[in-house]
């Protein structure tokens, strides 16, 4: 049987300067302004204590996130949390890296998808696709991880990245914090670009997965926080935890917390296949299964603009 496929070489790309951005460098929330909605809750208070205790003994605090954390203008909070030593590892998906990268060079990100999809212009941005793929392709040749490849590219081309001080992956690199990205092929706009090499994405993201596994393996008495990632984050974490335990790492006394808008009610009750909540991965893969032999799992139904600032400010206040 002959299998046919599309050739991407004739794809039309567009300069990003002509795009309207929904998120810009000027809309970023600033931790120094101290403008945020205070959240008080007994379980949340316990979580804050767990984060402080973990960092006091040098245990990891891993922050996993979907792209909407960046799109909610929280980059400066993430950077502040790294610089203050609150989080030791950031992980995200491909979209998280793209919005972060676009803010760094363009000062704006997040196009208007409903109209752009109508004419096939959605995601066809020349600079984003070319520069990110160039970085990833080169990084694969040098044995780098995905996040590292992008950070090194920014470091080597500072004239292109006016806003690199607000770039999470770059500031992670500069502050010796691991930033790993876990990619599903075909999900990201840079996969549409003619210069994309799927093999290079696989190689660099594969390196990041092993680095992520190392952090999880050290996580006994540590904390894992997931913000809005409903599939990639929970699945990657569960596999990394299984690998760690398989290799003999005693990763059982852990604290996990999932943050999302979805309300789960009594998230500790036993579920059956008839419960739709059973199929919500963060509940199984973050809140419940990882702590079945020790530790504590939490779920918080909160907007990221509330949860992340509260973690930052309350840890700073109480540690």
C-alpha atoms as a PDB file:
ATOM      1  CA  UNK A   1       0.000   0.000   0.000  1.00  0.00           C
ATOM      2  CA  UNK A   2       1.246   3.486  -0.834  1.00  0.00           C
ATOM      3  CA  UNK A   3       0.993   5.909   2.104  1.00  0.00           C
ATOM      4  CA  UNK A   4       0.683   9.530   1.051  1.00  0.00           C
ATOM      5  CA  UNK A   5       1.679  12.572   3.068  1.00  0.00           C
ATOM      6  CA  UNK A   6       1.742  16.337   2.667  1.00  0.00           C
ATOM      7  CA  UNK A   7       4.954  18.178   1.829  1.00  0.00           C
ATOM      8  CA  UNK A   8       5.377  21.284   4.009  1.00  0.00           C
ATOM      9  CA  UNK A   9       7.959  23.066   1.806  1.00  0.00           C
ATOM     10  CA  UNK A  10       5.368  25.297   0.113  1.00  0.00           C
ATOM     11  CA  UNK A  11       3.662  26.425   3.320  1.00  0.00           C
ATOM     12  CA  UNK A  12       3.204  30.202   3.436  1.00  0.00           C
ATOM     13  CA  UNK A  13       4.515  31.923   6.545  1.00  0.00           C
ATOM     14  CA  UNK A  14       3.918  35.454   7.788  1.00  0.00           C
ATOM     15  CA  UNK A  15       5.945  38.046   9.682  1.00  0.00           C
ATOM     16  CA  UNK A  16       4.833  38.310  13.278  1.00  0.00           C
ATOM     17  CA  UNK A  17       5.005  42.130  13.249  1.00  0.00           C
ATOM     18  CA  UNK A  18       1.646  42.214  11.456  1.00  0.00           C
ATOM     19  CA  UNK A  19      -0.100  40.137  14.141  1.00  0.00           C
ATOM     20  CA  UNK A  20      -2.416  41.349  16.895  1.00  0.00           C
ATOM     21  CA  UNK A  21      -1.353  39.842  20.241  1.00  0.00           C
ATOM     22  CA  UNK A  22      -3.733  39.133  23.103  1.00  0.00           C
ATOM     23  CA  UNK A  23      -0.909  38.973  25.667  1.00  0.00           C
ATOM     24  CA  UNK A  24       1.920  41.500  25.792  1.00  0.00           C
ATOM     25  CA  UNK A  25       4.907  42.412  27.893  1.00  0.00           C
ATOM     26  CA  UNK A  26       2.933  45.411  29.203  1.00  0.00           C
ATOM     27  CA  UNK A  27       0.148  43.219  30.632  1.00  0.00           C
ATOM     28  CA  UNK A  28       2.457  41.129  32.833  1.00  0.00           C
ATOM     29  CA  UNK A  29       1.659  40.884  36.534  1.00  0.00           C
ATOM     30  CA  UNK A  30       4.496  42.140  38.708  1.00  0.00           C
ATOM     31  CA  UNK A  31       5.241  40.544  42.110  1.00  0.00           C
ATOM     32  CA  UNK A  32       6.682  43.828  43.333  1.00  0.00           C
ATOM     33  CA  UNK A  33       3.311  45.561  42.887  1.00  0.00           C
ATOM     34  CA  UNK A  34       1.816  43.236  45.511  1.00  0.00           C
ATOM     35  CA  UNK A  35      -1.530  43.416  43.692  1.00  0.00           C
ATOM     36  CA  UNK A  36      -3.236  40.046  43.928  1.00  0.00           C
ATOM     37  CA  UNK A  37      -6.340  38.409  45.379  1.00  0.00           C
ATOM     38  CA  UNK A  38      -5.496  36.932  48.775  1.00  0.00           C
ATOM     39  CA  UNK A  39      -6.521  33.285  49.215  1.00  0.00           C
ATOM     40  CA  UNK A  40      -6.935  31.719  52.655  1.00  0.00           C
ATOM     41  CA  UNK A  41      -7.643  28.008  53.055  1.00  0.00           C
ATOM     42  CA  UNK A  42      -6.508  25.378  55.562  1.00  0.00           C
ATOM     43  CA  UNK A  43      -5.298  22.888  52.922  1.00  0.00           C
ATOM     44  CA  UNK A  44      -3.532  25.668  51.057  1.00  0.00           C
ATOM     45  CA  UNK A  45      -1.804  26.695  54.270  1.00  0.00           C
ATOM     46  CA  UNK A  46      -0.570  23.118  54.718  1.00  0.00           C
ATOM     47  CA  UNK A  47       0.759  23.167  51.163  1.00  0.00           C
ATOM     48  CA  UNK A  48       2.678  26.380  51.830  1.00  0.00           C
ATOM     49  CA  UNK A  49       4.242  24.762  54.910  1.00  0.00           C
ATOM     50  CA  UNK A  50       5.191  21.713  52.817  1.00  0.00           C
ATOM     51  CA  UNK A  51       6.900  23.903  50.220  1.00  0.00           C
ATOM     52  CA  UNK A  52       8.841  25.783  52.882  1.00  0.00           C
ATOM     53  CA  UNK A  53       9.849  22.552  54.628  1.00  0.00           C
ATOM     54  CA  UNK A  54      10.985  20.975  51.361  1.00  0.00           C
ATOM     55  CA  UNK A  55      13.217  23.879  50.456  1.00  0.00           C
ATOM     56  CA  UNK A  56      14.724  24.053  53.951  1.00  0.00           C
ATOM     57  CA  UNK A  57      16.100  20.518  53.554  1.00  0.00           C
ATOM     58  CA  UNK A  58      17.001  20.943  49.876  1.00  0.00           C
ATOM     59  CA  UNK A  59      14.181  18.781  48.499  1.00  0.00           C
ATOM     60  CA  UNK A  60      12.822  19.696  45.068  1.00  0.00           C
ATOM     61  CA  UNK A  61       9.713  21.738  44.376  1.00  0.00           C
ATOM     62  CA  UNK A  62       8.718  21.015  40.785  1.00  0.00           C
ATOM     63  CA  UNK A  63       6.267  23.276  38.968  1.00  0.00           C
ATOM     64  CA  UNK A  64       4.461  21.747  36.000  1.00  0.00           C
ATOM     65  CA  UNK A  65       2.239  23.964  33.870  1.00  0.00           C
ATOM     66  CA  UNK A  66       0.173  24.307  30.764  1.00  0.00           C
ATOM     67  CA  UNK A  67       0.651  27.280  28.443  1.00  0.00           C
ATOM     68  CA  UNK A  68      -2.117  29.322  30.068  1.00  0.00           C
ATOM     69  CA  UNK A  69       0.137  30.212  32.990  1.00  0.00           C
ATOM     70  CA  UNK A  70       2.210  32.250  30.507  1.00  0.00           C
ATOM     71  CA  UNK A  71      -0.948  33.514  28.771  1.00  0.00           C
ATOM     72  CA  UNK A  72      -2.256  34.672  32.149  1.00  0.00           C
ATOM     73  CA  UNK A  73       0.644  37.129  32.374  1.00  0.00           C
ATOM     74  CA  UNK A  74       2.447  35.288  35.185  1.00  0.00           C
ATOM     75  CA  UNK A  75       5.956  35.014  33.738  1.00  0.00           C
ATOM     76  CA  UNK A  76       7.455  37.447  36.225  1.00  0.00           C
ATOM     77  CA  UNK A  77       5.992  35.487  39.121  1.00  0.00           C
ATOM     78  CA  UNK A  78       7.583  32.285  37.834  1.00  0.00           C
ATOM     79  CA  UNK A  79      10.918  34.039  37.440  1.00  0.00           C
ATOM     80  CA  UNK A  80      10.668  35.505  40.948  1.00  0.00           C
ATOM     81  CA  UNK A  81       9.895  32.050  42.348  1.00  0.00           C
ATOM     82  CA  UNK A  82      13.030  30.677  40.690  1.00  0.00           C
ATOM     83  CA  UNK A  83      15.234  33.516  41.896  1.00  0.00           C
ATOM     84  CA  UNK A  84      13.883  33.184  45.442  1.00  0.00           C
ATOM     85  CA  UNK A  85      14.626  29.449  45.441  1.00  0.00           C
ATOM     86  CA  UNK A  86      10.967  28.496  45.862  1.00  0.00           C
ATOM     87  CA  UNK A  87      10.867  26.240  42.793  1.00  0.00           C
ATOM     88  CA  UNK A  88      13.731  24.091  41.563  1.00  0.00           C
ATOM     89  CA  UNK A  89      12.366  22.758  38.268  1.00  0.00           C
ATOM     90  CA  UNK A  90       9.848  24.051  35.714  1.00  0.00           C
ATOM     91  CA  UNK A  91       8.219  21.752  33.188  1.00  0.00           C
ATOM     92  CA  UNK A  92       5.692  22.500  30.474  1.00  0.00           C
ATOM     93  CA  UNK A  93       4.440  21.479  27.050  1.00  0.00           C
ATOM     94  CA  UNK A  94       5.358  22.831  23.623  1.00  0.00           C
ATOM     95  CA  UNK A  95       2.823  25.649  23.748  1.00  0.00           C
ATOM     96  CA  UNK A  96       4.339  26.837  27.013  1.00  0.00           C
ATOM     97  CA  UNK A  97       7.728  27.186  25.335  1.00  0.00           C
ATOM     98  CA  UNK A  98       6.251  28.961  22.303  1.00  0.00           C
ATOM     99  CA  UNK A  99       4.373  31.670  24.202  1.00  0.00           C
ATOM    100  CA  UNK A 100       7.432  32.221  26.402  1.00  0.00           C
ATOM    101  CA  UNK A 101       9.746  32.441  23.376  1.00  0.00           C
ATOM    102  CA  UNK A 102       7.427  34.826  21.524  1.00  0.00           C
ATOM    103  CA  UNK A 103       7.225  37.186  24.482  1.00  0.00           C
ATOM    104  CA  UNK A 104      11.026  37.206  24.624  1.00  0.00           C
ATOM    105  CA  UNK A 105      11.541  38.397  21.049  1.00  0.00           C
ATOM    106  CA  UNK A 106       8.209  39.981  20.102  1.00  0.00           C
ATOM    107  CA  UNK A 107       6.965  41.415  23.373  1.00  0.00           C
ATOM    108  CA  UNK A 108       3.612  39.804  22.589  1.00  0.00           C
ATOM    109  CA  UNK A 109       2.021  36.418  22.044  1.00  0.00           C
ATOM    110  CA  UNK A 110      -1.350  34.640  21.693  1.00  0.00           C
ATOM    111  CA  UNK A 111      -2.969  35.320  18.336  1.00  0.00           C
ATOM    112  CA  UNK A 112      -6.705  35.381  17.626  1.00  0.00           C
ATOM    113  CA  UNK A 113      -7.218  31.731  16.633  1.00  0.00           C
ATOM    114  CA  UNK A 114     -10.932  31.770  15.612  1.00  0.00           C
ATOM    115  CA  UNK A 115     -10.281  34.104  12.679  1.00  0.00           C
ATOM    116  CA  UNK A 116      -6.796  32.855  11.746  1.00  0.00           C
ATOM    117  CA  UNK A 117      -7.908  29.246  11.342  1.00  0.00           C
ATOM    118  CA  UNK A 118     -10.392  30.268   8.640  1.00  0.00           C
ATOM    119  CA  UNK A 119      -7.729  31.056   6.035  1.00  0.00           C
ATOM    120  CA  UNK A 120      -4.944  28.751   7.211  1.00  0.00           C
ATOM    121  CA  UNK A 121      -2.783  31.531   8.616  1.00  0.00           C
ATOM    122  CA  UNK A 122      -3.029  30.252  12.198  1.00  0.00           C
ATOM    123  CA  UNK A 123       0.397  29.587  13.628  1.00  0.00           C
ATOM    124  CA  UNK A 124       2.288  30.314  10.411  1.00  0.00           C
ATOM    125  CA  UNK A 125       4.690  32.811  11.953  1.00  0.00           C
ATOM    126  CA  UNK A 126       8.060  32.951  10.248  1.00  0.00           C
ATOM    127  CA  UNK A 127      10.225  34.110  13.143  1.00  0.00           C
ATOM    128  CA  UNK A 128       8.702  31.784  15.739  1.00  0.00           C
ATOM    129  CA  UNK A 129       8.844  28.718  13.524  1.00  0.00           C
ATOM    130  CA  UNK A 130      12.259  29.347  12.014  1.00  0.00           C
ATOM    131  CA  UNK A 131      14.120  30.499  15.107  1.00  0.00           C
ATOM    132  CA  UNK A 132      12.708  27.845  17.435  1.00  0.00           C
ATOM    133  CA  UNK A 133      13.323  25.051  14.937  1.00  0.00           C
ATOM    134  CA  UNK A 134      16.823  26.342  14.228  1.00  0.00           C
ATOM    135  CA  UNK A 135      17.522  26.246  17.971  1.00  0.00           C
ATOM    136  CA  UNK A 136      16.052  22.766  18.422  1.00  0.00           C
ATOM    137  CA  UNK A 137      17.775  21.333  15.338  1.00  0.00           C
ATOM    138  CA  UNK A 138      21.149  22.634  16.514  1.00  0.00           C
ATOM    139  CA  UNK A 139      20.499  21.509  20.075  1.00  0.00           C
ATOM    140  CA  UNK A 140      19.734  17.974  18.908  1.00  0.00           C
ATOM    141  CA  UNK A 141      23.081  17.834  17.123  1.00  0.00           C
ATOM    142  CA  UNK A 142      24.839  18.866  20.343  1.00  0.00           C
ATOM    143  CA  UNK A 143      22.894  16.516  22.644  1.00  0.00           C
ATOM    144  CA  UNK A 144      21.015  19.321  24.399  1.00  0.00           C
ATOM    145  CA  UNK A 145      17.537  19.259  25.890  1.00  0.00           C
ATOM    146  CA  UNK A 146      14.629  21.139  24.329  1.00  0.00           C
ATOM    147  CA  UNK A 147      14.500  23.920  26.916  1.00  0.00           C
ATOM    148  CA  UNK A 148      18.271  24.218  27.010  1.00  0.00           C
ATOM    149  CA  UNK A 149      18.414  24.499  23.200  1.00  0.00           C
ATOM    150  CA  UNK A 150      16.063  27.484  23.202  1.00  0.00           C
ATOM    151  CA  UNK A 151      17.859  29.184  26.097  1.00  0.00           C
ATOM    152  CA  UNK A 152      21.259  28.811  24.434  1.00  0.00           C
ATOM    153  CA  UNK A 153      19.834  30.220  21.184  1.00  0.00           C
ATOM    154  CA  UNK A 154      18.595  33.280  23.079  1.00  0.00           C
ATOM    155  CA  UNK A 155      21.967  33.630  24.792  1.00  0.00           C
ATOM    156  CA  UNK A 156      23.772  33.513  21.438  1.00  0.00           C
ATOM    157  CA  UNK A 157      21.408  35.958  19.713  1.00  0.00           C
ATOM    158  CA  UNK A 158      20.696  38.640  22.323  1.00  0.00           C
ATOM    159  CA  UNK A 159      19.955  41.295  19.701  1.00  0.00           C
ATOM    160  CA  UNK A 160      16.805  39.384  18.699  1.00  0.00           C
ATOM    161  CA  UNK A 161      15.407  39.046  22.215  1.00  0.00           C
ATOM    162  CA  UNK A 162      14.642  42.462  23.622  1.00  0.00           C
ATOM    163  CA  UNK A 163      12.497  41.025  26.407  1.00  0.00           C
ATOM    164  CA  UNK A 164      14.640  38.076  27.500  1.00  0.00           C
ATOM    165  CA  UNK A 165      14.575  39.307  31.106  1.00  0.00           C
ATOM    166  CA  UNK A 166      10.924  38.225  31.180  1.00  0.00           C
ATOM    167  CA  UNK A 167      11.529  34.867  29.466  1.00  0.00           C
ATOM    168  CA  UNK A 168      10.938  31.979  31.864  1.00  0.00           C
ATOM    169  CA  UNK A 169      13.037  29.363  30.077  1.00  0.00           C
ATOM    170  CA  UNK A 170      15.930  31.770  29.607  1.00  0.00           C
ATOM    171  CA  UNK A 171      15.859  32.959  33.219  1.00  0.00           C
ATOM    172  CA  UNK A 172      15.719  29.329  34.348  1.00  0.00           C
ATOM    173  CA  UNK A 173      18.908  28.723  32.347  1.00  0.00           C
ATOM    174  CA  UNK A 174      20.591  31.809  33.848  1.00  0.00           C
ATOM    175  CA  UNK A 175      19.579  30.852  37.405  1.00  0.00           C
ATOM    176  CA  UNK A 176      20.536  27.156  37.199  1.00  0.00           C
ATOM    177  CA  UNK A 177      16.943  25.950  37.369  1.00  0.00           C
ATOM    178  CA  UNK A 178      15.963  23.059  35.123  1.00  0.00           C
ATOM    179  CA  UNK A 179      13.324  23.925  32.503  1.00  0.00           C
ATOM    180  CA  UNK A 180      12.063  20.901  30.584  1.00  0.00           C
ATOM    181  CA  UNK A 181       9.474  20.667  27.811  1.00  0.00           C
ATOM    182  CA  UNK A 182       7.530  17.547  26.981  1.00  0.00           C
ATOM    183  CA  UNK A 183       6.301  17.573  23.400  1.00  0.00           C
ATOM    184  CA  UNK A 184       3.462  15.778  21.644  1.00  0.00           C
ATOM    185  CA  UNK A 185       4.288  15.826  17.936  1.00  0.00           C
ATOM    186  CA  UNK A 186       1.785  17.693  15.800  1.00  0.00           C
ATOM    187  CA  UNK A 187       0.372  19.796  18.634  1.00  0.00           C
ATOM    188  CA  UNK A 188       2.436  22.966  18.247  1.00  0.00           C
ATOM    189  CA  UNK A 189       2.592  25.729  15.647  1.00  0.00           C
ATOM    190  CA  UNK A 190       6.326  25.274  15.082  1.00  0.00           C
ATOM    191  CA  UNK A 191       5.575  21.759  13.792  1.00  0.00           C
ATOM    192  CA  UNK A 192       3.847  23.451  10.847  1.00  0.00           C
ATOM    193  CA  UNK A 193       7.002  25.257   9.731  1.00  0.00           C
ATOM    194  CA  UNK A 194       8.994  23.986   6.717  1.00  0.00           C
ATOM    195  CA  UNK A 195      12.219  23.863   8.771  1.00  0.00           C
ATOM    196  CA  UNK A 196      10.732  21.570  11.437  1.00  0.00           C
ATOM    197  CA  UNK A 197      12.559  18.288  12.000  1.00  0.00           C
ATOM    198  CA  UNK A 198      10.401  15.988  14.067  1.00  0.00           C
ATOM    199  CA  UNK A 199      13.414  13.848  14.907  1.00  0.00           C
ATOM    200  CA  UNK A 200      15.200  16.821  16.477  1.00  0.00           C
ATOM    201  CA  UNK A 201      12.150  17.625  18.580  1.00  0.00           C
ATOM    202  CA  UNK A 202      12.023  14.005  19.709  1.00  0.00           C
ATOM    203  CA  UNK A 203      15.719  13.921  20.611  1.00  0.00           C
ATOM    204  CA  UNK A 204      15.693  17.168  22.618  1.00  0.00           C
ATOM    205  CA  UNK A 205      12.394  16.452  24.361  1.00  0.00           C
ATOM    206  CA  UNK A 206      13.699  12.963  25.149  1.00  0.00           C
ATOM    207  CA  UNK A 207      16.693  14.506  26.909  1.00  0.00           C
ATOM    208  CA  UNK A 208      14.309  16.733  28.858  1.00  0.00           C
ATOM    209  CA  UNK A 209      12.243  13.736  29.929  1.00  0.00           C
ATOM    210  CA  UNK A 210      15.297  12.040  31.431  1.00  0.00           C
ATOM    211  CA  UNK A 211      16.212  15.266  33.218  1.00  0.00           C
ATOM    212  CA  UNK A 212      12.674  15.525  34.525  1.00  0.00           C
ATOM    213  CA  UNK A 213      12.903  11.936  35.768  1.00  0.00           C
ATOM    214  CA  UNK A 214      16.058  12.821  37.681  1.00  0.00           C
ATOM    215  CA  UNK A 215      14.278  15.659  39.485  1.00  0.00           C
ATOM    216  CA  UNK A 216      11.327  13.415  40.343  1.00  0.00           C
ATOM    217  CA  UNK A 217      13.704  10.731  41.636  1.00  0.00           C
ATOM    218  CA  UNK A 218      15.050  13.233  44.192  1.00  0.00           C
ATOM    219  CA  UNK A 219      11.560  14.284  45.295  1.00  0.00           C
ATOM    220  CA  UNK A 220      11.148  12.379  48.573  1.00  0.00           C
ATOM    221  CA  UNK A 221       9.889  15.008  51.059  1.00  0.00           C
ATOM    222  CA  UNK A 222       9.526  17.320  48.054  1.00  0.00           C
ATOM    223  CA  UNK A 223       6.545  18.894  46.308  1.00  0.00           C
ATOM    224  CA  UNK A 224       5.015  18.597  42.841  1.00  0.00           C
ATOM    225  CA  UNK A 225       2.702  21.394  41.660  1.00  0.00           C
ATOM    226  CA  UNK A 226       0.653  21.170  38.477  1.00  0.00           C
ATOM    227  CA  UNK A 227      -1.064  24.219  37.001  1.00  0.00           C
ATOM    228  CA  UNK A 228      -3.657  23.610  34.315  1.00  0.00           C
ATOM    229  CA  UNK A 229      -1.946  20.810  32.411  1.00  0.00           C
ATOM    230  CA  UNK A 230      -4.687  18.218  31.958  1.00  0.00           C
ATOM    231  CA  UNK A 231      -2.805  15.627  29.889  1.00  0.00           C
ATOM    232  CA  UNK A 232       0.936  16.126  29.269  1.00  0.00           C
ATOM    233  CA  UNK A 233       1.904  17.150  32.805  1.00  0.00           C
ATOM    234  CA  UNK A 234       0.020  14.381  34.637  1.00  0.00           C
ATOM    235  CA  UNK A 235       1.117  11.672  32.211  1.00  0.00           C
ATOM    236  CA  UNK A 236       4.782  12.675  32.222  1.00  0.00           C
ATOM    237  CA  UNK A 237       4.807  12.911  36.020  1.00  0.00           C
ATOM    238  CA  UNK A 238       3.276   9.466  36.539  1.00  0.00           C
ATOM    239  CA  UNK A 239       5.774   7.831  34.163  1.00  0.00           C
ATOM    240  CA  UNK A 240       8.704   9.647  35.779  1.00  0.00           C
ATOM    241  CA  UNK A 241       7.530   8.566  39.226  1.00  0.00           C
ATOM    242  CA  UNK A 242       7.213   4.934  38.100  1.00  0.00           C
ATOM    243  CA  UNK A 243      10.699   5.018  36.568  1.00  0.00           C
ATOM    244  CA  UNK A 244      12.147   6.504  39.763  1.00  0.00           C
ATOM    245  CA  UNK A 245      10.597   3.850  41.981  1.00  0.00           C
ATOM    246  CA  UNK A 246      11.544   1.103  39.526  1.00  0.00           C
ATOM    247  CA  UNK A 247      15.174   2.188  39.842  1.00  0.00           C
ATOM    248  CA  UNK A 248      15.013   2.001  43.616  1.00  0.00           C
ATOM    249  CA  UNK A 249      14.518   5.655  44.562  1.00  0.00           C
ATOM    250  CA  UNK A 250      12.367   5.956  47.677  1.00  0.00           C
ATOM    251  CA  UNK A 251      10.004   8.622  46.390  1.00  0.00           C
ATOM    252  CA  UNK A 252       7.021   8.083  48.685  1.00  0.00           C
ATOM    253  CA  UNK A 253       6.906  10.902  51.234  1.00  0.00           C
ATOM    254  CA  UNK A 254       5.768  13.488  48.725  1.00  0.00           C
ATOM    255  CA  UNK A 255       3.238  16.288  48.439  1.00  0.00           C
ATOM    256  CA  UNK A 256       1.335  16.810  45.202  1.00  0.00           C
ATOM    257  CA  UNK A 257      -1.096  19.581  44.309  1.00  0.00           C
ATOM    258  CA  UNK A 258      -3.196  20.151  41.212  1.00  0.00           C
ATOM    259  CA  UNK A 259      -4.527  23.613  40.343  1.00  0.00           C
ATOM    260  CA  UNK A 260      -7.310  23.980  37.813  1.00  0.00           C
ATOM    261  CA  UNK A 261     -10.667  25.672  37.316  1.00  0.00           C
ATOM    262  CA  UNK A 262     -12.522  22.346  37.390  1.00  0.00           C
ATOM    263  CA  UNK A 263     -14.298  21.553  40.669  1.00  0.00           C
ATOM    264  CA  UNK A 264     -13.904  17.990  41.929  1.00  0.00           C
ATOM    265  CA  UNK A 265     -15.813  18.090  45.212  1.00  0.00           C
ATOM    266  CA  UNK A 266     -14.569  15.265  47.429  1.00  0.00           C
ATOM    267  CA  UNK A 267     -11.535  14.462  45.326  1.00  0.00           C
ATOM    268  CA  UNK A 268     -10.421  11.673  47.671  1.00  0.00           C
ATOM    269  CA  UNK A 269     -13.495   9.481  47.272  1.00  0.00           C
ATOM    270  CA  UNK A 270     -13.098   6.245  45.311  1.00  0.00           C
ATOM    271  CA  UNK A 271     -14.231   6.512  41.693  1.00  0.00           C
ATOM    272  CA  UNK A 272     -15.656   3.978  39.265  1.00  0.00           C
ATOM    273  CA  UNK A 273     -15.594   3.863  35.475  1.00  0.00           C
ATOM    274  CA  UNK A 274     -19.072   5.398  35.514  1.00  0.00           C
ATOM    275  CA  UNK A 275     -17.780   8.609  37.118  1.00  0.00           C
ATOM    276  CA  UNK A 276     -16.747  11.160  34.508  1.00  0.00           C
ATOM    277  CA  UNK A 277     -14.183  12.495  36.985  1.00  0.00           C
ATOM    278  CA  UNK A 278     -12.335   9.176  36.695  1.00  0.00           C
ATOM    279  CA  UNK A 279     -11.140  10.264  33.249  1.00  0.00           C
ATOM    280  CA  UNK A 280      -9.682  13.554  34.456  1.00  0.00           C
ATOM    281  CA  UNK A 281      -5.999  12.649  34.507  1.00  0.00           C
ATOM    282  CA  UNK A 282      -4.716  15.140  37.094  1.00  0.00           C
ATOM    283  CA  UNK A 283      -6.971  13.640  39.749  1.00  0.00           C
ATOM    284  CA  UNK A 284      -5.609  10.121  39.164  1.00  0.00           C
ATOM    285  CA  UNK A 285      -2.038  10.874  38.154  1.00  0.00           C
ATOM    286  CA  UNK A 286      -1.231  13.723  40.525  1.00  0.00           C
ATOM    287  CA  UNK A 287      -3.656  13.916  43.431  1.00  0.00           C
ATOM    288  CA  UNK A 288      -4.439  10.244  44.199  1.00  0.00           C
ATOM    289  CA  UNK A 289      -2.186   7.508  42.773  1.00  0.00           C
ATOM    290  CA  UNK A 290       1.257   9.004  43.551  1.00  0.00           C
ATOM    291  CA  UNK A 291       0.476   9.242  47.283  1.00  0.00           C
ATOM    292  CA  UNK A 292      -1.185   5.831  47.726  1.00  0.00           C
ATOM    293  CA  UNK A 293       1.777   4.638  49.854  1.00  0.00           C
ATOM    294  CA  UNK A 294       2.519   7.892  51.649  1.00  0.00           C
ATOM    295  CA  UNK A 295       2.388  11.637  51.293  1.00  0.00           C
ATOM    296  CA  UNK A 296      -0.526  13.971  50.587  1.00  0.00           C
ATOM    297  CA  UNK A 297      -2.342  15.018  47.438  1.00  0.00           C
ATOM    298  CA  UNK A 298      -4.385  18.213  47.048  1.00  0.00           C
ATOM    299  CA  UNK A 299      -6.684  19.723  44.439  1.00  0.00           C
ATOM    300  CA  UNK A 300      -7.443  23.440  44.339  1.00  0.00           C
ATOM    301  CA  UNK A 301     -10.050  25.004  42.072  1.00  0.00           C
ATOM    302  CA  UNK A 302      -8.433  28.381  41.480  1.00  0.00           C
ATOM    303  CA  UNK A 303      -7.562  30.796  38.703  1.00  0.00           C
ATOM    304  CA  UNK A 304      -3.804  30.819  38.028  1.00  0.00           C
ATOM    305  CA  UNK A 305      -3.825  34.568  38.726  1.00  0.00           C
ATOM    306  CA  UNK A 306      -4.853  33.700  42.279  1.00  0.00           C
ATOM    307  CA  UNK A 307      -2.943  30.487  42.980  1.00  0.00           C
ATOM    308  CA  UNK A 308       0.549  31.393  41.769  1.00  0.00           C
ATOM    309  CA  UNK A 309       0.767  34.866  43.372  1.00  0.00           C
ATOM    310  CA  UNK A 310      -0.525  33.412  46.639  1.00  0.00           C
ATOM    311  CA  UNK A 311       2.093  30.677  46.665  1.00  0.00           C
ATOM    312  CA  UNK A 312       4.846  33.211  46.004  1.00  0.00           C
ATOM    313  CA  UNK A 313       3.768  35.820  48.552  1.00  0.00           C
ATOM    314  CA  UNK A 314       2.744  33.408  51.304  1.00  0.00           C
ATOM    315  CA  UNK A 315       6.001  31.443  51.076  1.00  0.00           C
ATOM    316  CA  UNK A 316       7.978  34.689  51.235  1.00  0.00           C
ATOM    317  CA  UNK A 317       5.957  35.871  54.245  1.00  0.00           C
ATOM    318  CA  UNK A 318       6.192  32.660  56.259  1.00  0.00           C
ATOM    319  CA  UNK A 319       9.519  31.022  55.546  1.00  0.00           C
END
